[in-house]
Protein backbone atom coordinates (compact mmCIF):
# COMPACT_ATOMS: atom_id res chain seq x y z
CA MET A 1 20.33 -22.01 -57.48
CA PHE A 2 16.57 -21.81 -57.19
CA THR A 3 16.48 -23.38 -53.73
CA LYS A 4 17.96 -20.23 -52.22
CA HIS A 5 14.49 -18.71 -52.66
CA PHE A 6 12.73 -21.48 -50.56
CA SER A 7 11.00 -20.35 -47.27
CA PRO A 8 10.63 -22.64 -44.11
CA GLY A 9 7.57 -23.73 -42.37
CA TRP A 10 5.73 -25.86 -44.85
CA ASP A 11 3.87 -28.77 -43.24
CA ILE A 12 3.42 -32.07 -45.18
CA ARG A 13 0.31 -33.47 -43.78
CA ARG A 14 -1.10 -37.00 -44.28
CA LEU A 15 -4.57 -38.45 -43.51
CA SER A 16 -4.38 -41.37 -41.00
CA THR A 17 -7.34 -43.56 -40.11
CA ASN A 18 -7.68 -45.28 -36.67
CA ARG A 19 -10.29 -47.18 -34.85
CA GLY A 20 -11.90 -44.99 -32.20
CA SER A 21 -12.67 -46.27 -28.62
CA ALA A 22 -16.37 -46.74 -29.53
CA GLY A 23 -15.36 -48.89 -32.56
CA GLY A 24 -15.91 -46.11 -35.12
CA VAL A 25 -13.41 -44.86 -37.72
CA GLU A 26 -11.46 -41.68 -36.78
CA LYS A 27 -9.68 -39.61 -39.36
CA GLU A 28 -7.04 -37.04 -38.66
CA TRP A 29 -4.46 -35.01 -40.72
CA ASN A 30 -1.14 -35.35 -39.17
CA THR A 31 2.14 -33.51 -39.90
CA VAL A 32 4.77 -35.96 -41.26
CA GLU A 33 7.33 -33.54 -42.08
CA THR A 34 8.16 -29.93 -42.30
CA VAL A 35 10.04 -28.65 -45.26
CA GLU A 36 11.40 -25.38 -47.11
CA GLY A 37 9.80 -24.53 -50.41
CA LYS A 38 8.47 -22.01 -52.81
CA LEU A 39 4.81 -21.69 -53.84
CA ARG A 40 3.95 -20.38 -57.03
CA PRO A 41 0.34 -19.49 -58.26
CA MET A 42 -0.74 -20.77 -61.56
CA GLY A 43 -3.14 -19.33 -64.02
CA ALA A 44 -6.98 -20.10 -63.31
CA ASP A 45 -7.27 -22.17 -66.36
CA LYS A 46 -4.08 -24.14 -65.96
CA ARG A 47 -4.51 -27.93 -67.04
CA VAL A 48 -2.27 -30.81 -67.22
CA ALA A 49 -3.56 -33.52 -69.60
CA SER A 50 -2.35 -36.98 -69.39
CA GLU A 51 -3.76 -40.04 -71.59
CA ARG A 52 -6.56 -40.78 -69.27
CA GLU A 53 -7.54 -37.69 -67.24
CA VAL A 54 -7.07 -33.97 -67.05
CA ILE A 55 -5.70 -32.73 -63.74
CA PHE A 56 -6.53 -29.13 -62.63
CA PHE A 57 -4.38 -27.38 -60.20
CA THR A 58 -4.12 -23.80 -58.69
CA HIS A 59 -0.56 -23.67 -57.41
CA ARG A 60 2.78 -25.33 -57.95
CA PHE A 61 5.18 -25.94 -55.09
CA TYR A 62 8.90 -26.42 -55.34
CA THR A 63 10.98 -28.15 -52.59
CA ARG A 64 13.84 -30.69 -52.14
CA PRO A 65 12.88 -34.41 -52.78
CA THR A 66 10.94 -35.81 -49.98
CA ASP A 67 8.04 -38.14 -49.20
CA ILE A 68 5.22 -36.20 -50.74
CA ARG A 69 2.30 -38.34 -52.10
CA VAL A 70 -0.71 -37.59 -54.17
CA GLY A 71 -3.69 -36.80 -51.61
CA ASP A 72 -1.34 -35.39 -49.03
CA ARG A 73 -1.75 -31.73 -48.00
CA ILE A 74 0.77 -28.89 -47.82
CA ARG A 75 0.06 -26.28 -45.12
CA LYS A 76 1.61 -23.07 -44.00
CA GLN A 77 -0.15 -20.88 -41.45
CA ASP A 78 -3.93 -20.80 -42.56
CA ARG A 79 -3.29 -21.71 -46.22
CA GLU A 80 -3.74 -25.48 -47.11
CA PHE A 81 -3.43 -27.35 -50.47
CA GLU A 82 -4.06 -30.87 -51.75
CA VAL A 83 -1.33 -32.60 -53.59
CA LYS A 84 -2.40 -33.64 -57.07
CA SER A 85 0.94 -34.78 -58.34
CA ALA A 86 4.55 -34.73 -57.24
CA VAL A 87 7.69 -35.47 -59.29
CA ASP A 88 11.38 -35.34 -58.95
CA VAL A 89 12.22 -32.88 -61.63
CA MET A 90 14.53 -34.38 -64.08
CA GLU A 91 15.01 -37.37 -61.66
CA MET A 92 18.33 -35.94 -60.32
CA GLY A 93 17.44 -35.79 -56.82
CA ARG A 94 17.54 -31.91 -56.52
CA LEU A 95 14.21 -30.48 -56.91
CA MET A 96 10.65 -31.65 -56.44
CA GLN A 97 7.64 -30.15 -58.22
CA VAL A 98 4.34 -30.68 -56.59
CA ASP A 99 1.05 -29.51 -58.30
CA LEU A 100 -1.59 -28.44 -55.68
CA VAL A 101 -5.32 -27.26 -55.45
CA VAL A 102 -6.54 -24.96 -52.64
CA VAL A 103 -8.34 -26.50 -49.84
CA GLU A 104 -11.34 -24.53 -48.94
């Protein structure tokens, strides 16, 4: 099965917003879960078109289904990616496909 090629240590990070002690807003990326997965680079011109928008992504990440949301970030070591879409492939609860762009 495809999941035997997964590597551990991929952090799912989510932006949290809190009120600071001085009354300002503080934003911070926090790890919500660490998963196993496989990253695959896509061609530079890869596009996915829907009826309303065109989503560009640079990488595709595969993992077991988990709570990954659009806008989250996936990080391993010094590489970080923003989640552009996340779907349970074939809706069978076995494999999640996540489209990403590199965060620079």
